[in-house]
Amino acid sequence: MGEALALQWEDLDGFGRELRVARSLSRGQVGTPKAGHGRTVDLSQVLAETLGQLEQSRIREALLLGWQPVPPWIFCTRAGTPMDESKVRRAMRHVLRQATLPLHFSPHCLRHTYASLMLQQGESLTYVQRQLGHASINLTADTYGKWLPLGNKAAVDRLDATIFSESGSKVVADGVVEEEENSEVVGKLGGPCRGRTYGPLIKSQLLYQLS
């Protein structure tokens, strides 16, 4: 939550739909993010639009309250100061009561929900690691590995489509011709026609073309 509370409007790129996580806020003190360095995260279309609307609303609010200049914090109090963690927790408990959900859920649970949903829909572990700001991919795998899809029949079906499509058949045919030509060359040079050295090399070249 500290990274969210420390966000400033200069960190937001609404057109590029990116947000720079450059600092963290804890007990009123600004420090470095969790990983010890900043990172840039992607924003969904809806979130980018929501933050853009909030920025316009903040400008109007500044005129009404006489703020000069507009507070830099994306999430701030009516005094223009950074939002306190306790206020965020109270607001979340209010939302949980309205939704009749268990009150033990914390704002940090939203981070876990984000990560698990991303992995369940097939996003790569490396991408989720960068979004979360984990220093090591092992931490991401150990924490959220149970949400990784264990089966992916669509992936092997795509392999069928590649191999048995017209273009895939052509690649296989070309590879067979190339192997025969290489065998003839090796035979003329007196080497083994289908030895243990040349066969795997030709096969690896064919698999590379298929990929």
C-alpha atoms as a PDB file:
ATOM      1  CA  MET A   1       0.000   0.000   0.000  1.00  0.00           C
ATOM      2  CA  GLY A   2       2.952   2.302   0.624  1.00  0.00           C
ATOM      3  CA  GLU A   3       3.810   2.406  -3.073  1.00  0.00           C
ATOM      4  CA  ALA A   4       0.256   3.425  -3.981  1.00  0.00           C
ATOM      5  CA  LEU A   5       0.087   6.162  -1.348  1.00  0.00           C
ATOM      6  CA  ALA A   6       3.383   7.636  -2.611  1.00  0.00           C
ATOM      7  CA  LEU A   7       2.214   7.992  -6.228  1.00  0.00           C
ATOM      8  CA  GLN A   8       2.302  11.482  -7.695  1.00  0.00           C
ATOM      9  CA  TRP A   9       0.657  12.921 -10.795  1.00  0.00           C
ATOM     10  CA  GLU A  10       4.027  13.241 -12.508  1.00  0.00           C
ATOM     11  CA  ASP A  11       4.301   9.445 -12.328  1.00  0.00           C
ATOM     12  CA  LEU A  12       1.220   8.968 -14.513  1.00  0.00           C
ATOM     13  CA  ASP A  13       1.393   8.603 -18.298  1.00  0.00           C
ATOM     14  CA  GLY A  14      -2.263   8.439 -19.245  1.00  0.00           C
ATOM     15  CA  PHE A  15      -1.705   8.283 -23.007  1.00  0.00           C
ATOM     16  CA  GLY A  16       0.908   5.550 -22.743  1.00  0.00           C
ATOM     17  CA  ARG A  17      -1.140   3.823 -20.016  1.00  0.00           C
ATOM     18  CA  GLU A  18       1.874   3.497 -17.736  1.00  0.00           C
ATOM     19  CA  LEU A  19       2.604   4.403 -14.140  1.00  0.00           C
ATOM     20  CA  ARG A  20       6.032   4.931 -12.667  1.00  0.00           C
ATOM     21  CA  VAL A  21       6.466   3.497  -9.166  1.00  0.00           C
ATOM     22  CA  ALA A  22       9.319   5.666  -7.933  1.00  0.00           C
ATOM     23  CA  ARG A  23       8.863   5.822  -4.164  1.00  0.00           C
ATOM     24  CA  SER A  24       7.079   4.367  -1.143  1.00  0.00           C
ATOM     25  CA  LEU A  25       5.379   5.975   1.835  1.00  0.00           C
ATOM     26  CA  SER A  26       5.481   4.466   5.303  1.00  0.00           C
ATOM     27  CA  ARG A  27       4.485   6.235   8.547  1.00  0.00           C
ATOM     28  CA  GLY A  28       4.713   9.580   6.833  1.00  0.00           C
ATOM     29  CA  GLN A  29       8.228   8.951   5.526  1.00  0.00           C
ATOM     30  CA  VAL A  30       9.021   8.728   1.813  1.00  0.00           C
ATOM     31  CA  GLY A  31      11.452   5.967   0.843  1.00  0.00           C
ATOM     32  CA  THR A  32      12.356   3.632  -1.992  1.00  0.00           C
ATOM     33  CA  PRO A  33       9.932   1.027  -3.414  1.00  0.00           C
ATOM     34  CA  LYS A  34       9.902  -2.534  -2.138  1.00  0.00           C
ATOM     35  CA  ALA A  35      12.525  -3.826  -4.596  1.00  0.00           C
ATOM     36  CA  GLY A  36      14.894  -0.973  -3.775  1.00  0.00           C
ATOM     37  CA  HIS A  37      14.448   0.719  -7.156  1.00  0.00           C
ATOM     38  CA  GLY A  38      11.674   2.176  -9.277  1.00  0.00           C
ATOM     39  CA  ARG A  39       9.734   0.387 -11.994  1.00  0.00           C
ATOM     40  CA  THR A  40       7.131   1.147 -14.648  1.00  0.00           C
ATOM     41  CA  VAL A  41       3.856  -0.798 -14.615  1.00  0.00           C
ATOM     42  CA  ASP A  42       1.157  -1.119 -17.262  1.00  0.00           C
ATOM     43  CA  LEU A  43      -2.361   0.196 -16.699  1.00  0.00           C
ATOM     44  CA  SER A  44      -5.567  -1.264 -18.050  1.00  0.00           C
ATOM     45  CA  GLN A  45      -7.743   0.927 -20.239  1.00  0.00           C
ATOM     46  CA  VAL A  46     -10.349   1.353 -17.501  1.00  0.00           C
ATOM     47  CA  LEU A  47      -7.786   2.199 -14.826  1.00  0.00           C
ATOM     48  CA  ALA A  48      -6.022   4.740 -17.049  1.00  0.00           C
ATOM     49  CA  GLU A  49      -9.347   6.450 -17.784  1.00  0.00           C
ATOM     50  CA  THR A  50     -10.324   6.420 -14.092  1.00  0.00           C
ATOM     51  CA  LEU A  51      -7.056   8.042 -13.039  1.00  0.00           C
ATOM     52  CA  GLY A  52      -7.463  10.634 -15.798  1.00  0.00           C
ATOM     53  CA  GLN A  53     -10.920  11.500 -14.495  1.00  0.00           C
ATOM     54  CA  LEU A  54      -9.566  11.701 -10.955  1.00  0.00           C
ATOM     55  CA  GLU A  55      -6.887  14.148 -12.105  1.00  0.00           C
ATOM     56  CA  GLN A  56      -9.491  16.436 -13.675  1.00  0.00           C
ATOM     57  CA  SER A  57     -11.635  16.191 -10.552  1.00  0.00           C
ATOM     58  CA  ARG A  58      -8.609  17.072  -8.404  1.00  0.00           C
ATOM     59  CA  ILE A  59      -8.008  20.238 -10.431  1.00  0.00           C
ATOM     60  CA  ARG A  60     -11.604  21.355  -9.880  1.00  0.00           C
ATOM     61  CA  GLU A  61     -11.335  20.473  -6.198  1.00  0.00           C
ATOM     62  CA  ALA A  62      -8.172  22.573  -5.920  1.00  0.00           C
ATOM     63  CA  LEU A  63     -10.027  25.613  -7.221  1.00  0.00           C
ATOM     64  CA  LEU A  64     -12.829  25.142  -4.699  1.00  0.00           C
ATOM     65  CA  LEU A  65     -10.507  24.585  -1.746  1.00  0.00           C
ATOM     66  CA  GLY A  66      -7.984  27.208  -2.752  1.00  0.00           C
ATOM     67  CA  TRP A  67      -5.079  24.826  -3.171  1.00  0.00           C
ATOM     68  CA  GLN A  68      -2.091  26.546  -4.736  1.00  0.00           C
ATOM     69  CA  PRO A  69      -0.655  24.599  -6.401  1.00  0.00           C
ATOM     70  CA  VAL A  70      -2.554  21.331  -6.878  1.00  0.00           C
ATOM     71  CA  PRO A  71      -1.195  18.736  -4.430  1.00  0.00           C
ATOM     72  CA  PRO A  72       1.258  16.373  -6.174  1.00  0.00           C
ATOM     73  CA  TRP A  73      -0.154  13.235  -4.531  1.00  0.00           C
ATOM     74  CA  ILE A  74      -2.619  11.127  -6.509  1.00  0.00           C
ATOM     75  CA  PHE A  75      -4.274  10.019  -3.253  1.00  0.00           C
ATOM     76  CA  CYS A  76      -4.432  12.862  -0.758  1.00  0.00           C
ATOM     77  CA  THR A  77      -6.512  14.261   2.091  1.00  0.00           C
ATOM     78  CA  ARG A  78      -8.658  17.412   1.934  1.00  0.00           C
ATOM     79  CA  ALA A  79      -5.643  19.215   3.369  1.00  0.00           C
ATOM     80  CA  GLY A  80      -3.586  18.171   0.346  1.00  0.00           C
ATOM     81  CA  THR A  81      -1.334  15.845   2.339  1.00  0.00           C
ATOM     82  CA  PRO A  82      -0.623  12.187   1.544  1.00  0.00           C
ATOM     83  CA  MET A  83      -3.356   9.752   2.507  1.00  0.00           C
ATOM     84  CA  ASP A  84      -2.805   7.910   5.775  1.00  0.00           C
ATOM     85  CA  GLU A  85      -2.793   4.094   5.752  1.00  0.00           C
ATOM     86  CA  SER A  86      -5.370   3.914   8.561  1.00  0.00           C
ATOM     87  CA  LYS A  87      -7.891   5.892   6.489  1.00  0.00           C
ATOM     88  CA  VAL A  88      -7.453   3.497   3.580  1.00  0.00           C
ATOM     89  CA  ARG A  89      -8.050   0.505   5.842  1.00  0.00           C
ATOM     90  CA  ARG A  90     -11.193   2.099   7.306  1.00  0.00           C
ATOM     91  CA  ALA A  91     -12.505   2.808   3.822  1.00  0.00           C
ATOM     92  CA  MET A  92     -11.863  -0.787   2.777  1.00  0.00           C
ATOM     93  CA  ARG A  93     -13.646  -2.172   5.840  1.00  0.00           C
ATOM     94  CA  HIS A  94     -16.643  -0.031   4.901  1.00  0.00           C
ATOM     95  CA  VAL A  95     -16.608  -1.491   1.380  1.00  0.00           C
ATOM     96  CA  LEU A  96     -16.280  -5.037   2.754  1.00  0.00           C
ATOM     97  CA  ARG A  97     -19.305  -4.529   5.010  1.00  0.00           C
ATOM     98  CA  GLN A  98     -21.358  -3.193   2.118  1.00  0.00           C
ATOM     99  CA  ALA A  99     -20.361  -6.221   0.025  1.00  0.00           C
ATOM    100  CA  THR A 100     -20.900  -8.633   2.965  1.00  0.00           C
ATOM    101  CA  LEU A 101     -17.339  -9.923   2.637  1.00  0.00           C
ATOM    102  CA  PRO A 102     -15.023 -11.022   5.476  1.00  0.00           C
ATOM    103  CA  LEU A 103     -13.517  -8.051   7.269  1.00  0.00           C
ATOM    104  CA  HIS A 104     -10.075  -9.625   7.562  1.00  0.00           C
ATOM    105  CA  PHE A 105      -9.334  -8.776   3.918  1.00  0.00           C
ATOM    106  CA  SER A 106      -6.744  -6.010   3.678  1.00  0.00           C
ATOM    107  CA  PRO A 107      -5.709  -3.659   0.856  1.00  0.00           C
ATOM    108  CA  HIS A 108      -2.676  -5.905   0.334  1.00  0.00           C
ATOM    109  CA  CYS A 109      -5.052  -8.728  -0.594  1.00  0.00           C
ATOM    110  CA  LEU A 110      -5.895  -6.786  -3.743  1.00  0.00           C
ATOM    111  CA  ARG A 111      -2.276  -7.212  -4.837  1.00  0.00           C
ATOM    112  CA  HIS A 112      -2.577 -10.989  -4.415  1.00  0.00           C
ATOM    113  CA  THR A 113      -5.852 -10.979  -6.334  1.00  0.00           C
ATOM    114  CA  TYR A 114      -4.250  -9.046  -9.184  1.00  0.00           C
ATOM    115  CA  ALA A 115      -1.298 -11.436  -9.437  1.00  0.00           C
ATOM    116  CA  SER A 116      -3.356 -14.635  -9.244  1.00  0.00           C
ATOM    117  CA  LEU A 117      -5.866 -13.435 -11.860  1.00  0.00           C
ATOM    118  CA  MET A 118      -3.057 -12.417 -14.225  1.00  0.00           C
ATOM    119  CA  LEU A 119      -1.450 -15.847 -13.974  1.00  0.00           C
ATOM    120  CA  GLN A 120      -4.763 -17.676 -14.286  1.00  0.00           C
ATOM    121  CA  GLN A 121      -5.462 -15.931 -17.582  1.00  0.00           C
ATOM    122  CA  GLY A 122      -2.099 -17.069 -18.948  1.00  0.00           C
ATOM    123  CA  GLU A 123       0.221 -14.093 -18.468  1.00  0.00           C
ATOM    124  CA  SER A 124       3.891 -14.990 -18.096  1.00  0.00           C
ATOM    125  CA  LEU A 125       5.518 -15.298 -14.695  1.00  0.00           C
ATOM    126  CA  THR A 126       8.210 -12.818 -15.763  1.00  0.00           C
ATOM    127  CA  TYR A 127       5.625 -10.171 -16.671  1.00  0.00           C
ATOM    128  CA  VAL A 128       3.797 -10.567 -13.357  1.00  0.00           C
ATOM    129  CA  GLN A 129       7.124 -10.348 -11.516  1.00  0.00           C
ATOM    130  CA  ARG A 130       7.914  -7.022 -13.193  1.00  0.00           C
ATOM    131  CA  GLN A 131       4.446  -5.658 -12.474  1.00  0.00           C
ATOM    132  CA  LEU A 132       4.680  -6.576  -8.797  1.00  0.00           C
ATOM    133  CA  GLY A 133       8.266  -5.390  -8.435  1.00  0.00           C
ATOM    134  CA  HIS A 134       9.625  -8.634  -7.006  1.00  0.00           C
ATOM    135  CA  ALA A 135      13.424  -8.689  -6.878  1.00  0.00           C
ATOM    136  CA  SER A 136      13.476 -12.378  -7.804  1.00  0.00           C
ATOM    137  CA  ILE A 137      11.241 -14.440 -10.053  1.00  0.00           C
ATOM    138  CA  ASN A 138      11.606 -17.236  -7.486  1.00  0.00           C
ATOM    139  CA  LEU A 139       9.604 -15.158  -5.016  1.00  0.00           C
ATOM    140  CA  THR A 140       6.826 -14.751  -7.581  1.00  0.00           C
ATOM    141  CA  ALA A 141       6.835 -18.468  -8.396  1.00  0.00           C
ATOM    142  CA  ASP A 142       6.872 -19.550  -4.746  1.00  0.00           C
ATOM    143  CA  THR A 143       4.046 -17.171  -3.816  1.00  0.00           C
ATOM    144  CA  TYR A 144       1.763 -17.556  -6.822  1.00  0.00           C
ATOM    145  CA  GLY A 145       2.943 -20.754  -8.533  1.00  0.00           C
ATOM    146  CA  LYS A 146      -0.203 -22.620  -7.528  1.00  0.00           C
ATOM    147  CA  TRP A 147      -2.208 -20.316  -9.793  1.00  0.00           C
ATOM    148  CA  LEU A 148      -0.178 -21.173 -12.901  1.00  0.00           C
ATOM    149  CA  PRO A 149      -2.192 -23.203 -15.442  1.00  0.00           C
ATOM    150  CA  LEU A 150      -1.006 -26.818 -15.341  1.00  0.00           C
ATOM    151  CA  GLY A 151      -2.439 -27.724 -18.731  1.00  0.00           C
ATOM    152  CA  ASN A 152      -2.491 -25.891 -22.017  1.00  0.00           C
ATOM    153  CA  LYS A 153      -4.065 -27.920 -24.799  1.00  0.00           C
ATOM    154  CA  ALA A 154      -4.300 -24.808 -26.950  1.00  0.00           C
ATOM    155  CA  ALA A 155      -0.490 -24.687 -27.018  1.00  0.00           C
ATOM    156  CA  VAL A 156      -0.113 -28.214 -28.386  1.00  0.00           C
ATOM    157  CA  ASP A 157      -2.985 -27.592 -30.803  1.00  0.00           C
ATOM    158  CA  ARG A 158      -1.058 -24.618 -32.183  1.00  0.00           C
ATOM    159  CA  LEU A 159       1.896 -26.951 -32.716  1.00  0.00           C
ATOM    160  CA  ASP A 160      -0.374 -29.206 -34.800  1.00  0.00           C
ATOM    161  CA  ALA A 161      -1.501 -26.215 -36.805  1.00  0.00           C
ATOM    162  CA  THR A 162       2.101 -25.232 -37.481  1.00  0.00           C
ATOM    163  CA  ILE A 163       3.254 -28.698 -38.510  1.00  0.00           C
ATOM    164  CA  PHE A 164       0.275 -29.773 -40.599  1.00  0.00           C
ATOM    165  CA  SER A 165      -0.594 -26.471 -42.225  1.00  0.00           C
ATOM    166  CA  GLU A 166       0.405 -25.869 -45.828  1.00  0.00           C
ATOM    167  CA  SER A 167       3.357 -23.701 -44.790  1.00  0.00           C
ATOM    168  CA  GLY A 168       4.356 -26.197 -42.120  1.00  0.00           C
ATOM    169  CA  SER A 169       4.296 -29.083 -44.612  1.00  0.00           C
ATOM    170  CA  LYS A 170       6.517 -27.054 -46.932  1.00  0.00           C
ATOM    171  CA  VAL A 171       9.027 -26.482 -44.128  1.00  0.00           C
ATOM    172  CA  VAL A 172       9.108 -30.216 -43.376  1.00  0.00           C
ATOM    173  CA  ALA A 173       9.522 -31.053 -47.067  1.00  0.00           C
ATOM    174  CA  ASP A 174      12.283 -28.493 -47.482  1.00  0.00           C
ATOM    175  CA  GLY A 175      14.003 -29.906 -44.427  1.00  0.00           C
ATOM    176  CA  VAL A 176      13.879 -33.442 -45.820  1.00  0.00           C
ATOM    177  CA  VAL A 177      15.355 -32.269 -49.130  1.00  0.00           C
ATOM    178  CA  GLU A 178      18.070 -30.369 -47.295  1.00  0.00           C
ATOM    179  CA  GLU A 179      18.901 -33.446 -45.219  1.00  0.00           C
ATOM    180  CA  GLU A 180      19.170 -35.584 -48.359  1.00  0.00           C
ATOM    181  CA  GLU A 181      21.429 -33.009 -50.011  1.00  0.00           C
ATOM    182  CA  ASN A 182      23.642 -32.828 -46.937  1.00  0.00           C
ATOM    183  CA  SER A 183      23.828 -36.614 -46.867  1.00  0.00           C
ATOM    184  CA  GLU A 184      24.988 -36.686 -50.493  1.00  0.00           C
ATOM    185  CA  VAL A 185      27.690 -34.120 -49.754  1.00  0.00           C
ATOM    186  CA  VAL A 186      28.884 -36.042 -46.731  1.00  0.00           C
ATOM    187  CA  GLY A 187      28.872 -39.266 -48.759  1.00  0.00           C
ATOM    188  CA  LYS A 188      31.038 -37.737 -51.478  1.00  0.00           C
ATOM    189  CA  LEU A 189      33.499 -36.541 -48.870  1.00  0.00           C
ATOM    190  CA  GLY A 190      33.764 -40.051 -47.506  1.00  0.00           C
ATOM    191  CA  GLY A 191      32.075 -39.323 -44.175  1.00  0.00           C
ATOM    192  CA  PRO A 192      29.125 -41.175 -42.656  1.00  0.00           C
ATOM    193  CA  CYS A 193      25.917 -40.510 -44.530  1.00  0.00           C
ATOM    194  CA  ARG A 194      23.657 -40.605 -41.490  1.00  0.00           C
ATOM    195  CA  GLY A 195      26.082 -40.604 -38.593  1.00  0.00           C
ATOM    196  CA  ARG A 196      25.444 -39.503 -35.038  1.00  0.00           C
ATOM    197  CA  THR A 197      27.036 -36.114 -35.632  1.00  0.00           C
ATOM    198  CA  TYR A 198      25.230 -34.880 -38.739  1.00  0.00           C
ATOM    199  CA  GLY A 199      21.772 -36.297 -38.043  1.00  0.00           C
ATOM    200  CA  PRO A 200      21.021 -34.280 -34.843  1.00  0.00           C
ATOM    201  CA  LEU A 201      22.390 -31.110 -36.415  1.00  0.00           C
ATOM    202  CA  ILE A 202      20.055 -31.393 -39.404  1.00  0.00           C
ATOM    203  CA  LYS A 203      17.136 -32.226 -37.129  1.00  0.00           C
ATOM    204  CA  SER A 204      17.808 -29.222 -34.894  1.00  0.00           C
ATOM    205  CA  GLN A 205      17.879 -26.956 -37.955  1.00  0.00           C
ATOM    206  CA  LEU A 206      14.522 -28.366 -39.048  1.00  0.00           C
ATOM    207  CA  LEU A 207      12.990 -27.828 -35.599  1.00  0.00           C
ATOM    208  CA  TYR A 208      14.319 -24.266 -35.591  1.00  0.00           C
ATOM    209  CA  GLN A 209      12.528 -23.586 -38.884  1.00  0.00           C
ATOM    210  CA  LEU A 210       9.314 -25.008 -37.463  1.00  0.00           C
ATOM    211  CA  SER A 211       9.550 -22.680 -34.485  1.00  0.00           C
END
